[in-house]
């Protein structure tokens, strides 16, 4: 399975940039979700690059120095093999967004967690 993980600082930066990109009246392209009757649009923020779940687990193991206990199960009802974000619209509105690598993002999160909780 593959998932599109987005580092929290990258998400916050995308939201911060949207503050300066209030919806006007003209779409920025055929992919724009700008409402024709109200000043709003739906914007997807994400890395746009799905990562295999086992690569994500390996990044957590490396960052924590611990080996995960894995219980590999078959696909669960309602689950999908892969998800990822299409950041075309937000990047058309705000320019290229930061895309923190999965290993760097997990390491930063583990470092923050350990510091915050004094672990």
N, C-alpha and C. Protein backbone atom coordinates (compact mmCIF):
# COMPACT_ATOMS: atom_id res chain seq x y z
N UNK A 1 0.84 -1.18 0.00
CA UNK A 1 0.00 0.00 0.00
C UNK A 1 0.88 1.24 0.00
N UNK A 2 0.36 2.30 -0.57
CA UNK A 2 1.11 3.55 -0.69
C UNK A 2 0.24 4.71 -0.21
N UNK A 3 0.87 5.63 0.51
CA UNK A 3 0.17 6.81 1.02
C UNK A 3 1.02 8.05 0.76
N UNK A 4 0.33 9.17 0.60
CA UNK A 4 0.98 10.45 0.36
C UNK A 4 1.10 11.19 1.68
N UNK A 5 2.24 11.06 2.34
CA UNK A 5 2.45 11.71 3.63
C UNK A 5 2.92 13.14 3.41
N UNK A 6 2.39 14.06 4.22
CA UNK A 6 2.76 15.46 4.12
C UNK A 6 3.26 15.91 5.49
N UNK A 7 4.47 16.44 5.53
CA UNK A 7 5.05 16.92 6.78
C UNK A 7 4.25 18.13 7.26
N UNK A 8 4.00 18.20 8.54
CA UNK A 8 3.11 19.23 9.10
C UNK A 8 3.59 20.64 8.77
N UNK A 9 4.88 20.92 8.78
CA UNK A 9 5.36 22.26 8.44
C UNK A 9 5.04 22.61 6.99
N UNK A 10 5.07 21.62 6.09
CA UNK A 10 4.72 21.87 4.69
C UNK A 10 3.23 22.19 4.57
N UNK A 11 2.40 21.50 5.33
CA UNK A 11 0.97 21.77 5.34
C UNK A 11 0.69 23.17 5.85
N UNK A 12 1.31 23.54 6.95
CA UNK A 12 1.12 24.88 7.53
C UNK A 12 1.56 25.95 6.54
N UNK A 13 2.67 25.73 5.85
CA UNK A 13 3.14 26.70 4.87
C UNK A 13 2.13 26.86 3.74
N UNK A 14 1.53 25.77 3.28
CA UNK A 14 0.51 25.85 2.24
C UNK A 14 -0.70 26.65 2.70
N UNK A 15 -1.15 26.40 3.92
CA UNK A 15 -2.29 27.15 4.47
C UNK A 15 -1.93 28.63 4.62
N UNK A 16 -0.73 28.91 5.11
CA UNK A 16 -0.30 30.29 5.27
C UNK A 16 -0.31 31.02 3.93
N UNK A 17 0.16 30.38 2.89
CA UNK A 17 0.18 31.01 1.56
C UNK A 17 -1.22 31.25 1.03
N UNK A 18 -2.15 30.39 1.38
CA UNK A 18 -3.52 30.57 0.89
C UNK A 18 -4.18 31.81 1.48
N UNK A 19 -3.70 32.28 2.61
CA UNK A 19 -4.25 33.51 3.21
C UNK A 19 -4.13 34.67 2.22
N UNK A 20 -3.04 34.69 1.47
CA UNK A 20 -2.80 35.76 0.50
C UNK A 20 -3.39 35.45 -0.88
N UNK A 21 -4.09 34.35 -1.00
CA UNK A 21 -4.65 33.94 -2.30
C UNK A 21 -6.16 33.79 -2.21
N UNK A 22 -6.82 34.81 -1.64
CA UNK A 22 -8.28 34.76 -1.51
C UNK A 22 -8.92 34.59 -2.88
N UNK A 23 -9.97 33.79 -2.95
CA UNK A 23 -10.62 33.56 -4.25
C UNK A 23 -11.16 34.85 -4.86
N UNK A 24 -10.88 35.03 -6.12
CA UNK A 24 -11.45 36.15 -6.87
C UNK A 24 -12.64 35.65 -7.66
N UNK A 25 -12.75 36.11 -8.88
CA UNK A 25 -13.88 35.69 -9.71
C UNK A 25 -13.44 34.88 -10.93
N UNK A 26 -12.13 34.83 -11.18
CA UNK A 26 -11.64 34.12 -12.37
C UNK A 26 -10.89 32.86 -11.96
N UNK A 27 -11.25 31.72 -12.53
CA UNK A 27 -10.50 30.49 -12.24
C UNK A 27 -9.07 30.60 -12.75
N UNK A 28 -8.15 29.90 -12.11
CA UNK A 28 -6.75 29.93 -12.54
C UNK A 28 -6.44 28.85 -13.57
N UNK A 29 -7.40 28.02 -13.89
CA UNK A 29 -7.22 26.99 -14.89
C UNK A 29 -8.42 26.05 -14.90
N UNK A 30 -8.45 25.11 -15.83
CA UNK A 30 -9.60 24.19 -15.93
C UNK A 30 -9.71 23.26 -14.71
N UNK A 31 -8.65 23.15 -13.92
CA UNK A 31 -8.61 22.30 -12.74
C UNK A 31 -9.09 23.03 -11.49
N UNK A 32 -9.46 24.32 -11.61
CA UNK A 32 -9.83 25.14 -10.45
C UNK A 32 -11.21 24.75 -9.94
N UNK A 33 -11.35 24.71 -8.62
CA UNK A 33 -12.62 24.38 -7.98
C UNK A 33 -13.37 25.64 -7.54
N UNK A 34 -13.00 26.81 -8.07
CA UNK A 34 -13.63 28.07 -7.70
C UNK A 34 -15.13 27.98 -7.92
N UNK A 35 -15.90 28.34 -6.90
CA UNK A 35 -17.36 28.31 -6.99
C UNK A 35 -17.85 29.45 -7.88
N UNK A 36 -18.79 29.18 -8.77
CA UNK A 36 -19.32 30.25 -9.61
C UNK A 36 -20.30 31.16 -8.85
N UNK A 37 -20.73 30.76 -7.65
CA UNK A 37 -21.73 31.55 -6.92
C UNK A 37 -21.25 32.05 -5.56
N UNK A 38 -20.07 31.62 -5.11
CA UNK A 38 -19.58 32.04 -3.79
C UNK A 38 -18.05 32.12 -3.84
N UNK A 39 -17.45 32.99 -3.02
CA UNK A 39 -15.99 33.14 -3.04
C UNK A 39 -15.27 32.06 -2.23
N UNK A 40 -15.24 30.85 -2.75
CA UNK A 40 -14.51 29.76 -2.09
C UNK A 40 -14.04 28.76 -3.13
N UNK A 41 -13.09 27.95 -2.73
CA UNK A 41 -12.61 26.85 -3.57
C UNK A 41 -12.06 25.77 -2.65
N UNK A 42 -12.02 24.55 -3.15
CA UNK A 42 -11.45 23.42 -2.42
C UNK A 42 -10.03 23.23 -2.94
N UNK A 43 -9.06 23.18 -2.03
CA UNK A 43 -7.65 23.07 -2.41
C UNK A 43 -7.05 21.84 -1.73
N UNK A 44 -6.32 21.05 -2.50
CA UNK A 44 -5.65 19.87 -1.98
C UNK A 44 -4.20 20.23 -1.67
N UNK A 45 -3.75 19.95 -0.46
CA UNK A 45 -2.36 20.20 -0.09
C UNK A 45 -1.72 18.85 0.20
N UNK A 46 -0.61 18.56 -0.44
CA UNK A 46 0.07 17.29 -0.20
C UNK A 46 1.36 17.20 -0.96
N UNK A 47 2.08 16.14 -0.66
CA UNK A 47 3.38 15.91 -1.28
C UNK A 47 3.27 15.52 -2.75
N UNK A 48 2.21 14.80 -3.10
CA UNK A 48 2.02 14.38 -4.48
C UNK A 48 2.87 13.20 -4.88
N UNK A 49 3.44 12.50 -3.89
CA UNK A 49 4.30 11.36 -4.17
C UNK A 49 4.03 10.26 -3.15
N UNK A 50 3.21 9.27 -3.51
CA UNK A 50 2.90 8.22 -2.55
C UNK A 50 4.14 7.40 -2.18
N UNK A 51 4.19 7.03 -0.90
CA UNK A 51 5.32 6.27 -0.34
C UNK A 51 4.80 4.90 0.11
N UNK A 52 5.51 3.83 -0.19
CA UNK A 52 5.08 2.52 0.32
C UNK A 52 5.03 2.54 1.85
N UNK A 53 3.99 1.95 2.43
CA UNK A 53 3.83 1.98 3.88
C UNK A 53 5.03 1.37 4.60
N UNK A 54 5.63 0.35 4.04
CA UNK A 54 6.78 -0.25 4.70
C UNK A 54 7.99 0.69 4.70
N UNK A 55 8.08 1.58 3.72
CA UNK A 55 9.13 2.59 3.73
C UNK A 55 8.88 3.59 4.86
N UNK A 56 7.61 3.93 5.08
CA UNK A 56 7.24 4.81 6.19
C UNK A 56 7.58 4.15 7.53
N UNK A 57 7.26 2.87 7.67
CA UNK A 57 7.59 2.14 8.90
C UNK A 57 9.10 2.11 9.10
N UNK A 58 9.85 1.87 8.03
CA UNK A 58 11.31 1.84 8.13
C UNK A 58 11.85 3.20 8.58
N UNK A 59 11.24 4.29 8.10
CA UNK A 59 11.67 5.63 8.52
C UNK A 59 11.42 5.83 10.01
N UNK A 60 10.30 5.33 10.51
CA UNK A 60 10.01 5.43 11.94
C UNK A 60 11.00 4.59 12.74
N UNK A 61 11.28 3.38 12.26
CA UNK A 61 12.25 2.51 12.94
C UNK A 61 13.62 3.19 13.01
N UNK A 62 14.06 3.76 11.91
CA UNK A 62 15.37 4.43 11.88
C UNK A 62 15.41 5.63 12.81
N UNK A 63 14.33 6.42 12.80
CA UNK A 63 14.30 7.63 13.62
C UNK A 63 14.23 7.33 15.11
N UNK A 64 13.59 6.22 15.46
CA UNK A 64 13.43 5.89 16.87
C UNK A 64 14.49 4.92 17.37
N UNK A 65 15.17 4.24 16.44
CA UNK A 65 16.15 3.22 16.84
C UNK A 65 15.50 1.96 17.35
N UNK A 66 14.24 1.75 17.03
CA UNK A 66 13.51 0.56 17.48
C UNK A 66 12.92 -0.16 16.29
N UNK A 67 12.82 -1.46 16.40
CA UNK A 67 12.20 -2.28 15.36
C UNK A 67 10.72 -2.43 15.67
N UNK A 68 9.88 -2.16 14.70
CA UNK A 68 8.43 -2.27 14.87
C UNK A 68 8.02 -3.73 14.89
N UNK A 69 7.02 -4.03 15.69
CA UNK A 69 6.38 -5.35 15.64
C UNK A 69 5.29 -5.23 14.58
N UNK A 70 5.41 -6.02 13.53
CA UNK A 70 4.50 -5.89 12.39
C UNK A 70 3.52 -7.05 12.36
N UNK A 71 2.27 -6.72 12.16
CA UNK A 71 1.23 -7.73 11.92
C UNK A 71 0.68 -7.45 10.53
N UNK A 72 1.19 -8.13 9.54
CA UNK A 72 0.78 -7.89 8.16
C UNK A 72 -0.56 -8.58 7.91
N UNK A 73 -1.54 -7.80 7.52
CA UNK A 73 -2.89 -8.30 7.28
C UNK A 73 -3.27 -8.04 5.83
N UNK A 74 -4.27 -8.75 5.32
CA UNK A 74 -4.74 -8.46 3.96
C UNK A 74 -5.44 -7.09 3.92
N UNK A 75 -5.66 -6.62 2.73
CA UNK A 75 -6.39 -5.35 2.56
C UNK A 75 -7.69 -5.42 3.35
N UNK A 76 -8.02 -4.31 4.02
CA UNK A 76 -9.23 -4.24 4.82
C UNK A 76 -10.36 -3.67 3.97
N UNK A 77 -11.61 -4.06 4.29
CA UNK A 77 -12.75 -3.54 3.52
C UNK A 77 -12.74 -2.01 3.52
N UNK A 78 -12.93 -1.43 2.36
CA UNK A 78 -12.99 0.01 2.22
C UNK A 78 -11.64 0.67 2.03
N UNK A 79 -10.55 -0.09 2.21
CA UNK A 79 -9.22 0.51 2.02
C UNK A 79 -8.88 0.54 0.54
N UNK A 80 -7.92 1.37 0.17
CA UNK A 80 -7.48 1.49 -1.22
C UNK A 80 -5.98 1.25 -1.28
N UNK A 81 -5.47 0.76 -2.40
CA UNK A 81 -4.04 0.46 -2.50
C UNK A 81 -3.13 1.68 -2.47
N UNK A 82 -3.62 2.84 -2.96
CA UNK A 82 -2.75 4.02 -3.01
C UNK A 82 -3.60 5.29 -2.96
N UNK A 83 -3.05 6.30 -2.29
CA UNK A 83 -3.67 7.64 -2.29
C UNK A 83 -2.56 8.66 -2.46
N UNK A 84 -2.88 9.78 -3.09
CA UNK A 84 -1.92 10.86 -3.20
C UNK A 84 -2.66 12.16 -3.54
N UNK A 85 -2.02 13.24 -3.22
CA UNK A 85 -2.60 14.56 -3.43
C UNK A 85 -2.23 15.10 -4.81
N UNK A 86 -3.13 15.88 -5.36
CA UNK A 86 -2.85 16.64 -6.58
C UNK A 86 -2.75 18.10 -6.17
N UNK A 87 -1.55 18.61 -6.11
CA UNK A 87 -1.30 19.98 -5.63
C UNK A 87 -1.29 21.00 -6.78
N UNK A 88 -1.81 20.63 -7.93
CA UNK A 88 -1.81 21.53 -9.09
C UNK A 88 -2.46 22.87 -8.77
N UNK A 89 -3.62 22.85 -8.14
CA UNK A 89 -4.35 24.09 -7.89
C UNK A 89 -3.61 24.98 -6.89
N UNK A 90 -3.21 24.44 -5.75
CA UNK A 90 -2.55 25.29 -4.76
C UNK A 90 -1.24 25.86 -5.31
N UNK A 91 -0.53 25.09 -6.11
CA UNK A 91 0.73 25.60 -6.66
C UNK A 91 0.47 26.65 -7.74
N UNK A 92 -0.66 26.55 -8.45
CA UNK A 92 -1.02 27.61 -9.40
C UNK A 92 -1.37 28.89 -8.65
N UNK A 93 -1.91 28.76 -7.45
CA UNK A 93 -2.30 29.92 -6.66
C UNK A 93 -1.14 30.52 -5.87
N UNK A 94 -0.23 29.69 -5.39
CA UNK A 94 0.79 30.17 -4.43
C UNK A 94 2.23 29.91 -4.84
N UNK A 95 2.45 29.19 -5.91
CA UNK A 95 3.80 28.81 -6.30
C UNK A 95 4.17 27.45 -5.70
N UNK A 96 5.34 26.95 -6.06
CA UNK A 96 5.76 25.63 -5.58
C UNK A 96 5.81 25.58 -4.05
N UNK A 97 5.32 24.49 -3.51
CA UNK A 97 5.31 24.28 -2.06
C UNK A 97 6.51 23.45 -1.62
N UNK A 98 6.91 23.59 -0.36
CA UNK A 98 7.98 22.71 0.15
C UNK A 98 7.47 21.28 0.18
N UNK A 99 8.38 20.35 -0.04
CA UNK A 99 8.03 18.92 -0.01
C UNK A 99 9.12 18.20 0.79
N UNK A 100 8.91 18.11 2.08
CA UNK A 100 9.87 17.46 2.95
C UNK A 100 9.88 15.97 2.70
N UNK A 101 11.06 15.42 2.50
CA UNK A 101 11.25 13.98 2.29
C UNK A 101 10.70 13.21 3.48
N UNK A 102 10.14 12.02 3.24
CA UNK A 102 9.51 11.22 4.29
C UNK A 102 10.48 10.93 5.44
N UNK A 103 11.70 10.57 5.14
CA UNK A 103 12.66 10.25 6.21
C UNK A 103 13.02 11.49 7.02
N UNK A 104 13.21 12.62 6.35
CA UNK A 104 13.52 13.86 7.06
C UNK A 104 12.33 14.31 7.91
N UNK A 105 11.13 14.19 7.37
CA UNK A 105 9.94 14.59 8.12
C UNK A 105 9.70 13.73 9.34
N UNK A 106 9.85 12.43 9.20
CA UNK A 106 9.68 11.53 10.34
C UNK A 106 10.74 11.83 11.40
N UNK A 107 11.99 12.04 10.98
CA UNK A 107 13.06 12.34 11.93
C UNK A 107 12.77 13.65 12.68
N UNK A 108 12.32 14.68 11.95
CA UNK A 108 11.98 15.95 12.59
C UNK A 108 10.85 15.77 13.60
N UNK A 109 9.85 14.96 13.23
CA UNK A 109 8.73 14.74 14.14
C UNK A 109 9.18 14.00 15.39
N UNK A 110 9.98 12.96 15.22
CA UNK A 110 10.47 12.19 16.38
C UNK A 110 11.32 13.10 17.27
N UNK A 111 12.18 13.90 16.67
CA UNK A 111 13.00 14.83 17.46
C UNK A 111 12.12 15.81 18.24
N UNK A 112 11.09 16.37 17.57
CA UNK A 112 10.18 17.28 18.26
C UNK A 112 9.47 16.56 19.39
N UNK A 113 8.92 15.39 19.13
CA UNK A 113 8.17 14.63 20.12
C UNK A 113 9.03 14.34 21.35
N UNK A 114 10.24 13.88 21.11
CA UNK A 114 11.13 13.57 22.23
C UNK A 114 11.46 14.83 23.04
N UNK A 115 11.67 15.94 22.36
CA UNK A 115 11.96 17.18 23.05
C UNK A 115 10.76 17.72 23.81
N UNK A 116 9.60 17.68 23.19
CA UNK A 116 8.39 18.22 23.80
C UNK A 116 7.98 17.41 25.03
N UNK A 117 8.05 16.09 24.90
CA UNK A 117 7.63 15.22 26.01
C UNK A 117 8.80 14.76 26.88
N UNK A 118 9.99 15.32 26.63
CA UNK A 118 11.19 14.98 27.40
C UNK A 118 11.38 13.47 27.50
N UNK A 119 11.25 12.81 26.36
CA UNK A 119 11.39 11.35 26.31
C UNK A 119 12.83 10.99 26.01
